[in-house]
């Protein structure tokens, strides 16, 4: 039972494996991927709060650790770590820059544009009362919202999406070598586009994230160079598209499946739906850590250098923390204890933006009368390594 395959065997139902692991072996070795899997809430949060012992340097595959044939392609690209991969003391200044850029005022100022974007997408649905909410709504909403905040031209959304996919392909711990070679070539174009945009903002500042990054690069006291700015944009897209998109789709699916869609028009109730969906089906499967020195975790001896994969989706279903954890129960008192956004010093920097986007997207859909899933609906989960994602979400409504 210790075999764990999120893209195959456990694509549709990872929770049977999670339940077994929590009950029988909360720290278990996976031979297939060469990592220790950590399944229960207490141990997952312990690791997240111990950056001194569990390094984030390989939370995803560092670009400079890729095979030589890939590095030859990336020879002239900036390859600094993102804050997600940084340990103390390197982490704190990177985090401070991120918080300076993605601050509450910027997020609040974006609310009218986000509401307008969501309404425009709903208005653009076909008149036949049918849509795939993943590809026709959640995905374009999130990627356009991110372009709006960052400052990229909306016409670049498709290309940025493809380039972000290339970056994620390179960062995945497994994958087809030919696909990684193609992704490396795409990353060349991605970085050139980001650098061009930063130079444009240096010449003509605007009120956007690219302008703030360009200012920081020019500020000798900010300790940011163009390579760091490029990596910030890569990380913003890597962490800001898939998880938020998938959380929108899962929130809608869960509310419809459990007969709770009438709450979608009440902003206070929507917040509860969103939080429970993040707990119940965490959009990020988990993060990797590397052990700094020999230790014992959950009674298991682990050697320095071992890789540790934290299973967020399992921790969020731990019945020792969440009563009736497999039930979808919006409004539970401790809902925000979930680790869908991680915990500790690496807790997701964009969590406020993500929550806002999900709520706005769900509320806009409440305009559709009689929104419902097709008869006999069964979720179709994507074979993703990092993400717990639906392939599509077909819905109908009254016309």
Protein backbone atom coordinates (compact mmCIF):
# COMPACT_ATOMS: atom_id res chain seq x y z
CA UNK A 1 0.00 0.00 0.00
CA UNK A 2 3.04 2.29 0.33
CA UNK A 3 3.10 2.82 -3.44
CA UNK A 4 1.88 6.34 -4.25
CA UNK A 5 1.15 7.44 -7.82
CA UNK A 6 -0.78 10.75 -8.04
CA UNK A 7 -0.82 10.70 -11.84
CA UNK A 8 -1.97 7.07 -12.20
CA UNK A 9 -3.28 4.73 -9.53
CA UNK A 10 -4.31 7.53 -7.17
CA UNK A 11 -5.40 10.08 -9.77
CA UNK A 12 -9.12 9.68 -9.11
CA UNK A 13 -9.01 8.70 -5.46
CA UNK A 14 -5.90 9.58 -3.44
CA UNK A 15 -7.89 9.59 -0.22
CA UNK A 16 -7.96 5.81 0.24
CA UNK A 17 -4.17 5.87 0.26
CA UNK A 18 -4.08 8.93 2.52
CA UNK A 19 -6.42 7.24 5.00
CA UNK A 20 -4.28 4.09 5.08
CA UNK A 21 -1.11 6.12 5.58
CA UNK A 22 -2.54 8.21 8.42
CA UNK A 23 -3.86 5.11 10.18
CA UNK A 24 -0.95 2.71 9.63
CA UNK A 25 2.19 4.53 8.53
CA UNK A 26 2.05 8.35 8.67
CA UNK A 27 5.69 8.47 7.57
CA UNK A 28 6.18 5.94 4.79
CA UNK A 29 8.88 5.38 2.17
CA UNK A 30 7.83 5.46 -1.49
CA UNK A 31 10.28 3.45 -3.56
CA UNK A 32 8.78 4.64 -6.85
CA UNK A 33 9.65 8.30 -6.33
CA UNK A 34 12.39 7.93 -3.73
CA UNK A 35 10.83 10.08 -1.01
CA UNK A 36 9.39 9.82 2.47
CA UNK A 37 5.66 10.56 2.39
CA UNK A 38 4.26 12.41 5.42
CA UNK A 39 0.51 12.00 5.78
CA UNK A 40 -0.87 13.24 9.10
CA UNK A 41 -1.56 16.83 10.10
CA UNK A 42 0.66 17.04 13.17
CA UNK A 43 3.75 15.74 11.34
CA UNK A 44 3.12 17.78 8.19
CA UNK A 45 2.87 21.00 10.20
CA UNK A 46 5.92 20.02 12.28
CA UNK A 47 8.00 19.74 9.11
CA UNK A 48 6.62 23.01 7.72
CA UNK A 49 7.59 24.83 10.90
CA UNK A 50 11.15 23.41 11.04
CA UNK A 51 13.07 25.04 8.18
CA UNK A 52 16.26 24.49 10.19
CA UNK A 53 15.84 20.73 9.86
CA UNK A 54 13.78 20.38 6.67
CA UNK A 55 15.23 22.44 3.83
CA UNK A 56 13.04 23.97 1.11
CA UNK A 57 15.84 24.00 -1.45
CA UNK A 58 14.11 21.21 -3.39
CA UNK A 59 10.49 22.12 -2.76
CA UNK A 60 10.42 21.82 -6.51
CA UNK A 61 13.28 20.81 -8.77
CA UNK A 62 15.85 23.64 -8.88
CA UNK A 63 16.59 24.62 -12.46
CA UNK A 64 20.33 24.41 -11.86
CA UNK A 65 19.90 20.76 -10.79
CA UNK A 66 18.44 19.68 -14.12
CA UNK A 67 20.32 17.24 -16.39
CA UNK A 68 23.26 18.57 -18.44
CA UNK A 69 21.37 18.47 -21.74
CA UNK A 70 18.77 20.82 -20.23
CA UNK A 71 21.34 23.12 -18.61
CA UNK A 72 23.10 23.54 -21.96
CA UNK A 73 19.86 25.02 -23.33
CA UNK A 74 19.40 27.24 -20.28
CA UNK A 75 23.04 28.28 -20.25
CA UNK A 76 22.42 32.04 -20.37
CA UNK A 77 19.23 32.19 -18.27
CA UNK A 78 19.00 33.47 -14.70
CA UNK A 79 18.63 30.47 -12.40
CA UNK A 80 18.29 31.93 -8.88
CA UNK A 81 16.06 30.23 -6.33
CA UNK A 82 12.55 31.50 -5.72
CA UNK A 83 11.57 32.35 -2.14
CA UNK A 84 9.68 29.02 -2.05
CA UNK A 85 13.06 27.28 -2.40
CA UNK A 86 14.97 29.54 -0.01
CA UNK A 87 15.95 28.66 3.56
CA UNK A 88 16.81 31.13 6.33
CA UNK A 89 18.59 33.52 6.27
CA UNK A 90 18.22 33.84 2.48
CA UNK A 91 14.44 33.47 2.72
CA UNK A 92 13.58 36.56 4.82
CA UNK A 93 14.70 39.29 2.37
CA UNK A 94 13.06 37.48 -0.56
CA UNK A 95 9.84 37.17 1.43
CA UNK A 96 10.00 40.84 2.39
CA UNK A 97 10.23 41.83 -1.27
CA UNK A 98 7.27 39.59 -2.08
CA UNK A 99 5.16 41.13 0.67
CA UNK A 100 6.11 44.61 -0.53
CA UNK A 101 4.89 43.75 -4.03
CA UNK A 102 1.78 41.68 -3.26
CA UNK A 103 0.36 43.92 -0.55
CA UNK A 104 -3.24 44.28 0.57
CA UNK A 105 -3.80 47.68 -1.06
CA UNK A 106 -2.83 46.32 -4.48
CA UNK A 107 -5.14 43.34 -4.05
CA UNK A 108 -8.06 45.48 -2.82
CA UNK A 109 -7.61 47.93 -5.69
CA UNK A 110 -8.03 45.04 -8.14
CA UNK A 111 -11.52 44.08 -6.88
CA UNK A 112 -13.53 46.13 -9.44
CA UNK A 113 -11.46 44.77 -12.34
CA UNK A 114 -11.83 41.19 -11.06
CA UNK A 115 -15.60 41.54 -10.69
CA UNK A 116 -15.84 43.03 -14.17
CA UNK A 117 -13.75 40.22 -15.62
CA UNK A 118 -15.90 37.53 -13.97
CA UNK A 119 -19.12 39.20 -15.15
CA UNK A 120 -17.80 39.53 -18.70
CA UNK A 121 -16.97 35.83 -18.83
CA UNK A 122 -20.42 34.87 -17.52
CA UNK A 123 -22.05 37.21 -20.04
CA UNK A 124 -20.03 35.54 -22.79
CA UNK A 125 -21.41 32.06 -22.17
CA UNK A 126 -23.37 30.57 -25.05
CA UNK A 127 -27.14 30.96 -24.97
CA UNK A 128 -27.72 27.19 -24.85
CA UNK A 129 -27.23 27.03 -21.07
CA UNK A 130 -24.13 24.85 -21.08
CA UNK A 131 -20.44 25.47 -20.38
CA UNK A 132 -17.25 23.82 -19.20
CA UNK A 133 -16.49 26.04 -16.23
CA UNK A 134 -12.86 24.99 -16.10
CA UNK A 135 -11.76 25.92 -19.62
CA UNK A 136 -14.38 28.59 -20.37
CA UNK A 137 -14.43 30.35 -17.02
CA UNK A 138 -12.03 29.47 -14.19
CA UNK A 139 -8.90 29.25 -16.32
CA UNK A 140 -9.38 32.43 -18.39
CA UNK A 141 -10.53 34.30 -15.28
CA UNK A 142 -7.42 33.45 -13.27
CA UNK A 143 -4.85 33.94 -15.99
CA UNK A 144 -6.36 37.26 -17.10
CA UNK A 145 -6.64 38.43 -13.49
CA UNK A 146 -2.96 37.66 -12.99
CA UNK A 147 -2.04 39.51 -16.19
CA UNK A 148 -4.08 42.48 -14.93
CA UNK A 149 -2.20 42.58 -11.64
CA UNK A 150 1.22 41.89 -13.12
CA UNK A 151 0.85 44.31 -16.01
CA UNK A 152 1.18 42.04 -19.02
CA UNK A 153 -0.98 42.71 -22.06
CA UNK A 154 -4.12 40.56 -21.94
CA UNK A 155 -3.33 39.49 -25.51
CA UNK A 156 -0.26 37.68 -24.12
CA UNK A 157 -2.35 35.45 -21.83
CA UNK A 158 -2.12 32.34 -24.03
CA UNK A 159 1.64 32.60 -24.44
CA UNK A 160 2.22 33.27 -20.75
CA UNK A 161 0.07 30.26 -19.94
CA UNK A 162 2.13 28.01 -22.22
CA UNK A 163 5.40 29.36 -20.85
CA UNK A 164 4.23 28.82 -17.29
CA UNK A 165 3.40 25.23 -18.23
CA UNK A 166 6.95 24.85 -19.52
CA UNK A 167 8.38 26.14 -16.26
CA UNK A 168 6.23 23.70 -14.27
CA UNK A 169 7.33 20.85 -16.55
CA UNK A 170 10.97 21.62 -15.73
CA UNK A 171 10.17 21.90 -12.02
CA UNK A 172 8.35 18.55 -11.80
CA UNK A 173 10.40 15.80 -10.11
CA UNK A 174 9.49 13.32 -12.86
CA UNK A 175 8.55 13.64 -16.50
CA UNK A 176 9.34 12.81 -20.11
CA UNK A 177 12.91 13.93 -21.00
CA UNK A 178 11.82 15.10 -24.46
CA UNK A 179 9.08 17.24 -22.89
CA UNK A 180 11.65 18.81 -20.56
CA UNK A 181 13.92 19.65 -23.51
CA UNK A 182 11.00 21.36 -25.29
CA UNK A 183 10.13 23.17 -22.06
CA UNK A 184 13.70 24.44 -21.71
CA UNK A 185 13.52 26.02 -25.17
CA UNK A 186 10.17 27.62 -24.25
CA UNK A 187 11.70 29.04 -21.08
CA UNK A 188 14.16 31.01 -23.21
CA UNK A 189 11.24 32.87 -24.79
CA UNK A 190 9.48 33.27 -21.43
CA UNK A 191 12.44 34.95 -19.79
CA UNK A 192 13.08 37.20 -22.78
CA UNK A 193 9.47 38.35 -22.62
CA UNK A 194 9.71 39.13 -18.89
CA UNK A 195 12.96 41.05 -19.33
CA UNK A 196 11.48 43.07 -22.20
CA UNK A 197 8.47 43.92 -20.04
CA UNK A 198 10.70 45.02 -17.15
CA UNK A 199 12.71 47.27 -19.48
CA UNK A 200 9.47 48.74 -20.82
CA UNK A 201 8.34 49.58 -17.27
CA UNK A 202 11.71 51.14 -16.48
CA UNK A 203 11.12 53.55 -19.36
CA UNK A 204 7.38 54.02 -18.83
CA UNK A 205 6.21 53.21 -15.27
CA UNK A 206 2.62 52.15 -14.57
CA UNK A 207 0.65 51.01 -11.53
CA UNK A 208 1.46 47.30 -11.75
CA UNK A 209 3.75 44.60 -10.39
CA UNK A 210 6.17 44.79 -13.32
CA UNK A 211 6.78 48.47 -12.55
CA UNK A 212 7.38 47.70 -8.86
CA UNK A 213 9.88 45.01 -9.84
CA UNK A 214 11.64 47.38 -12.24
CA UNK A 215 11.94 49.94 -9.43
CA UNK A 216 13.37 47.35 -7.06
CA UNK A 217 15.95 46.28 -9.64
CA UNK A 218 17.02 49.91 -10.02
CA UNK A 219 17.17 50.44 -6.22
CA UNK A 220 20.67 49.63 -4.92
CA UNK A 221 19.26 49.08 -1.42
CA UNK A 222 16.58 46.59 -2.53
CA UNK A 223 19.05 43.77 -3.20
CA UNK A 224 17.17 42.61 -6.32
CA UNK A 225 18.70 42.09 -9.73
CA UNK A 226 16.98 41.25 -13.04
CA UNK A 227 17.42 37.52 -12.42
CA UNK A 228 15.52 37.77 -9.13
CA UNK A 229 12.76 39.80 -10.81
CA UNK A 230 12.40 37.19 -13.55
CA UNK A 231 12.20 34.44 -10.96
CA UNK A 232 9.56 36.37 -9.02
CA UNK A 233 7.34 36.53 -12.12
CA UNK A 234 7.92 32.84 -12.86
CA UNK A 235 6.96 31.99 -9.29
CA UNK A 236 3.92 34.26 -9.31
CA UNK A 237 2.53 32.48 -12.36
CA UNK A 238 3.58 29.00 -11.19
CA UNK A 239 1.78 29.44 -7.89
CA UNK A 240 -1.06 31.67 -9.04
CA UNK A 241 -2.78 29.99 -11.98
CA UNK A 242 -3.35 26.27 -11.46
CA UNK A 243 -4.14 26.24 -7.76
CA UNK A 244 -6.60 29.14 -7.90
CA UNK A 245 -8.23 27.90 -11.08
CA UNK A 246 -8.61 24.42 -9.63
CA UNK A 247 -9.96 25.75 -6.34
CA UNK A 248 -12.66 27.72 -8.21
CA UNK A 249 -13.77 24.60 -10.08
CA UNK A 250 -13.71 22.39 -6.98
CA UNK A 251 -15.63 24.94 -4.90
CA UNK A 252 -18.40 25.08 -7.51
CA UNK A 253 -18.44 21.30 -7.95
CA UNK A 254 -18.55 20.68 -4.19
CA UNK A 255 -21.34 23.18 -3.57
CA UNK A 256 -23.42 21.68 -6.40
CA UNK A 257 -22.70 18.09 -5.40
CA UNK A 258 -23.73 18.70 -1.79
CA UNK A 259 -26.82 20.77 -2.56
CA UNK A 260 -25.34 24.00 -1.20
CA UNK A 261 -25.31 26.17 -4.32
CA UNK A 262 -27.98 28.47 -2.88
CA UNK A 263 -25.21 29.86 -0.64
CA UNK A 264 -23.27 31.16 -3.64
CA UNK A 265 -25.15 34.47 -3.72
CA UNK A 266 -24.32 35.26 -0.07
CA UNK A 267 -20.75 36.64 0.27
CA UNK A 268 -20.43 35.47 3.88
CA UNK A 269 -21.57 31.97 3.00
CA UNK A 270 -19.30 31.89 -0.06
CA UNK A 271 -16.28 32.46 2.18
CA UNK A 272 -17.24 29.30 4.09
CA UNK A 273 -17.71 27.32 0.88
CA UNK A 274 -14.29 28.40 -0.36
CA UNK A 275 -12.48 27.57 2.87
CA UNK A 276 -14.05 24.13 3.11
CA UNK A 277 -13.27 23.36 -0.54
CA UNK A 278 -9.63 24.31 0.07
CA UNK A 279 -9.55 21.91 3.00
CA UNK A 280 -11.58 19.09 1.47
CA UNK A 281 -9.75 18.94 -1.86
CA UNK A 282 -6.50 20.88 -1.41
CA UNK A 283 -5.56 22.17 -4.87
CA UNK A 284 -1.84 21.65 -4.22
CA UNK A 285 -0.93 18.04 -3.46
CA UNK A 286 2.02 18.98 -1.30
CA UNK A 287 5.57 20.29 -1.13
CA UNK A 288 8.99 18.68 -1.00
CA UNK A 289 11.59 19.14 1.70
CA UNK A 290 15.13 17.76 2.15
CA UNK A 291 16.43 16.61 5.52
CA UNK A 292 19.40 18.66 6.77
CA UNK A 293 20.64 16.06 9.27
CA UNK A 294 19.65 12.65 10.60
CA UNK A 295 16.43 12.77 12.60
CA UNK A 296 13.41 10.82 13.77
CA UNK A 297 9.96 11.86 12.51
CA UNK A 298 6.86 10.03 13.67
CA UNK A 299 9.04 7.29 15.13
CA UNK A 300 10.82 6.72 11.80
CA UNK A 301 14.59 7.20 11.48
CA UNK A 302 15.47 9.33 8.46
CA UNK A 303 18.92 10.06 7.09
CA UNK A 304 20.33 13.45 6.15
CA UNK A 305 19.71 14.21 2.48
CA UNK A 306 16.45 12.27 2.36
CA UNK A 307 13.61 13.88 0.44
CA UNK A 308 10.29 14.35 2.23
CA UNK A 309 6.97 14.92 0.43
CA UNK A 310 4.28 16.56 2.58
CA UNK A 311 0.79 15.41 1.59
CA UNK A 312 -1.40 18.48 2.15
CA UNK A 313 -4.50 16.68 0.89
CA UNK A 314 -4.03 13.99 3.51
CA UNK A 315 -3.28 16.38 6.39
CA UNK A 316 -6.50 18.26 5.59
CA UNK A 317 -8.53 15.08 6.04
CA UNK A 318 -6.98 14.16 9.41
CA UNK A 319 -9.88 13.33 11.74
CA UNK A 320 -7.76 14.19 14.79
CA UNK A 321 -7.99 17.83 13.67
CA UNK A 322 -11.15 18.05 11.56
CA UNK A 323 -14.29 16.31 12.83
CA UNK A 324 -15.94 14.11 10.17
CA UNK A 325 -13.02 15.10 7.98
CA UNK A 326 -14.27 13.35 4.83
CA UNK A 327 -17.54 15.32 4.95
CA UNK A 328 -17.92 18.63 3.13
CA UNK A 329 -19.06 20.95 5.92
CA UNK A 330 -18.79 24.68 5.18
CA UNK A 331 -18.64 26.87 8.25
CA UNK A 332 -16.72 24.43 10.45
CA UNK A 333 -15.13 26.38 13.29
CA UNK A 334 -11.53 25.44 12.55
CA UNK A 335 -11.69 25.46 8.74
CA UNK A 336 -8.75 27.86 8.43
CA UNK A 337 -6.46 25.40 10.17
CA UNK A 338 -6.12 23.62 6.84
CA UNK A 339 -2.71 23.54 5.15
CA UNK A 340 -3.87 24.10 1.58
CA UNK A 341 -1.65 27.22 1.63
CA UNK A 342 1.09 25.54 3.65
CA UNK A 343 2.25 26.85 7.04
CA UNK A 344 5.25 28.45 8.68
CA UNK A 345 7.62 30.83 6.94
CA UNK A 346 6.66 29.49 3.49
CA UNK A 347 2.92 29.91 3.88
CA UNK A 348 1.57 30.97 0.48
CA UNK A 349 2.30 34.65 -0.13
CA UNK A 350 -0.68 34.96 -2.50
CA UNK A 351 -3.31 33.36 -0.28
CA UNK A 352 -5.31 36.58 0.17
CA UNK A 353 -5.40 37.13 -3.58
CA UNK A 354 -6.37 33.50 -4.19
CA UNK A 355 -9.23 33.63 -1.69
CA UNK A 356 -10.48 36.87 -3.25
CA UNK A 357 -10.37 35.50 -6.79
CA UNK A 358 -12.19 32.31 -5.81
CA UNK A 359 -14.93 34.19 -3.96
CA UNK A 360 -15.49 36.67 -6.79
CA UNK A 361 -15.59 33.90 -9.38
CA UNK A 362 -18.12 31.85 -7.39
CA UNK A 363 -20.35 34.83 -6.62
CA UNK A 364 -20.51 35.84 -10.31
CA UNK A 365 -21.72 32.36 -11.25
CA UNK A 366 -24.67 32.70 -8.86
CA UNK A 367 -26.29 34.83 -11.58
CA UNK A 368 -26.90 31.69 -13.65
CA UNK A 369 -30.40 30.38 -12.78
CA UNK A 370 -30.69 26.73 -11.88
CA UNK A 371 -26.99 25.99 -12.19
CA UNK A 372 -26.46 22.23 -11.96
CA UNK A 373 -24.19 19.34 -12.84
CA UNK A 374 -25.11 16.89 -15.63
CA UNK A 375 -27.14 13.84 -14.67
CA UNK A 376 -24.87 11.13 -13.25
CA UNK A 377 -21.89 13.48 -13.01
CA UNK A 378 -18.59 11.96 -11.89
CA UNK A 379 -15.51 14.18 -11.47
CA UNK A 380 -12.73 13.65 -14.01
CA UNK A 381 -9.42 14.36 -12.27
CA UNK A 382 -6.34 15.37 -14.22
CA UNK A 383 -3.13 13.26 -14.02
CA UNK A 384 -1.12 16.10 -12.48
CA UNK A 385 1.90 15.70 -10.25
CA UNK A 386 1.62 18.92 -8.25
CA UNK A 387 -2.07 19.73 -8.51
CA UNK A 388 -5.39 18.15 -7.52
CA UNK A 389 -7.25 19.36 -10.58
CA UNK A 390 -10.40 18.62 -12.54
CA UNK A 391 -9.98 18.12 -16.28
CA UNK A 392 -13.29 19.87 -16.92
CA UNK A 393 -16.47 20.89 -15.11
CA UNK A 394 -19.53 20.72 -17.33
CA UNK A 395 -22.61 22.50 -16.00
CA UNK A 396 -26.09 23.43 -17.22
CA UNK A 397 -28.45 26.24 -16.24
CA UNK A 398 -31.93 27.42 -17.15
CA UNK A 399 -32.25 29.67 -20.18
